Structures are given as structure tokens and as C-alpha cells.
Amino acid sequence: MYPVENTISLAIPDIRPPSPVVWSIMIPAYNCTGFLEETIKSVVSQFSDYSAVQVEVIDDCSTDANVEEVVGRAGKGKVSYFRQTTNVGSLRNFETCIKRAKGKYVHLLHGDDRVKPGFYTKMETLLNSDDKIGAAFCRTNYINDNGEYLFTQDAETNTEGVLNDILLRLGEHQRIETPSMVVRKSVYEHIGLFRDVTYGEDWDMWIRIAASYPIAYTPDVLAEYRRQANGSITSQKILTAQNIYDLEHVMQLTRQYFPEEKVNAIQRKAKLYYAAYAIRTADKLWHSKQHVKGALNQIKAAFHFSKSPVIIMAAAKVLVKILIRYK
């Protein structure tokens, strides 16, 4: 069981005087220089006038290349660069992004992801439709290391506008990829920064926003999330299944945001969803890495969440593959 404690960051975003900047496109980056040029170009191609646009790369002390040089080449004078003095980790780097944002709308765009033409125009239209709307997001394409299409996220709805049940949907599982989400700066100033959860911090944030503000949506596919072949599958969090226990921690932290009469049912669905996710991860660990201990840890975590017949059957299939050394 992941220990439950109050891990809300005590740091508060800087609240600055009104700014003429409309867009703050903040690009957190760490050792993703091979993709960063694509990311920057996907942004700068969308604006002809930068008088109300801030684009900035926040480098968490990358060691893979000269990031400032890449920013200068790809940004062509339209993108600024800030480097942390020491490596602070992804959460604190996100915090720096939000604190340095000057605009009305904040877009956190990971240094290996991309946006498609029309993203900012569409998001601004959605957010401008009602001042009460706290955030807006779109549908996402998934791409590989080479920028090639993998698949498209299922649509939340076929119509555009405020999603009235997004809080309940988010309770069941994470369904908003970070590059697809834009948040008003005032919302971050109100609800605070990302909480200290290494795996699932974005899920926690979107739930907190949805509990306090309407969220708008478009089914248009305008963001691209990169799934790297050599991603985090062998990270210590995955091998120990701490990623699953982190998700449980998010569920415990966010119980307070759901209707009391619905929260248990919502979180049962979440546990079943992430139990299935853990089994899929176990299968991947075995097939791609033959990592028996990591696969068994994921299966154990899955059973911690759910012992439904579906989960037991799926786990049994993975265990048989391991026993017979099937690859």
C-alpha cells in the first residue's frame, strides 16, 4: 500500500499584474533533443504575430545536446530558453513552466510531443466562449519515435463544447493527454501546482480542475503524443510496480472531489481499469524484455486492485507464457 500523506506542493504560482500576453506555450524538456526541433516547429508555424505569444523551452539540465542551440535554430528568434541550474525533476520543471508563464492561457507541451495546425485557434475559441471555462482539450493522435501515426484516441463525444460529466469520467481513468490540454493561468493560481505524485500527477491535476471549473472539448484531432520505443518500460517505477501504487495514491487523494454517493463505484471502475493496465504491462515486460520479476510485480499490483475473473484469466495467460518461456 502506498502511504497516504498530504503531498500538496506548498509553492504557489507567481501572481503577476495583468499581461498583454494571451498564450504561454511552455515546453519542459529533458534529454529529448532529438524530438525538440519537431516540437518547436509545430508551435511556431501557427502564429504570424508574436506580440501576444510567449514560447519558452524550460530545460531541466539536459545532457544529450546543446539545447539552447537547438532552440535558437528551430525557434528562429521566436522561442526563449531557460535552463535550470540543477536537475530538478519533471514536477518541479512543470512548476517552473507555470511560474514563468505570463499569458492568459498556459499550454504545457512536452519536448517530444507536437501540436497540429489550428490547435491554438481552436483552443482559444473554446476558452473564449465562456469566461467560466477553466480548461479545454482536444482529441489526440499517438505517434512513434519517427513521428509516424500509431492510433487515435477515442472521442469523448462527437460534438464540441463543455463536457458536463468530465469529472466522473476522469475518476474512472486518465483520459486527457498533457499536450492536448490548455489551462487558464488563473486556474493554476487558484488550485495550485502539480502535487508530488511521480506517476499520475497529470491525472490528479485534471481531476482537481474538473472539480472546480467547466472543461471544454473538441473531437478534432489537434495534438500528438509520442510513445517512444525505448520509453519508461524498464524504469524502476515500472519494474517494481510503484507506478500502479502511485495511481492508487492519486485515487486516495482525489476521493474528496467526487459525490459521496458515487465515489466508491467510480474508483472500483478505476481499479479494474488499472488492474488490466498492469496485466498489459506485465505482458509487455515479458515479451519485450523477458523481465520476470517486473512482470510478476505488475501482476501482484493488478491483484491488489482487482481479483475479478477477467483479471485472473488475463494474469494466468501471462504466467503461462513465462512458465513455458513463450515469447
Foldseek 3Di string as FASTA:
>chain_A
DPDADDQADPDFADDDPADLAAEEEEEEEAQPLVQQLVALLLPVVQDPDCPRYAAEYEYQPHDNDDNQVSCCVSVVPSYYYHYDPHRDDDQVSVSVSLNPGNHQKYAYDYSRKHWHHPLVVVQCVQCVVDVQAFKEFEWEFEAEPVRHTDGTADFPDQDWHWDPCVLLVLLLDNRGDRRGMMGGSVLCNVQHGFGPQNACSVSLVVNSSVLRGTYIYHHDHTIYHYDYPPPCLPPPCQQQVVNLVSVVNSLVVNLVSDPPVCSVVSNLSNLQVVLVVLLVSLLCCCVVPVSNSSSVNSLVSSVVSPDDPVSVVSNVVSVVCNVVVPD
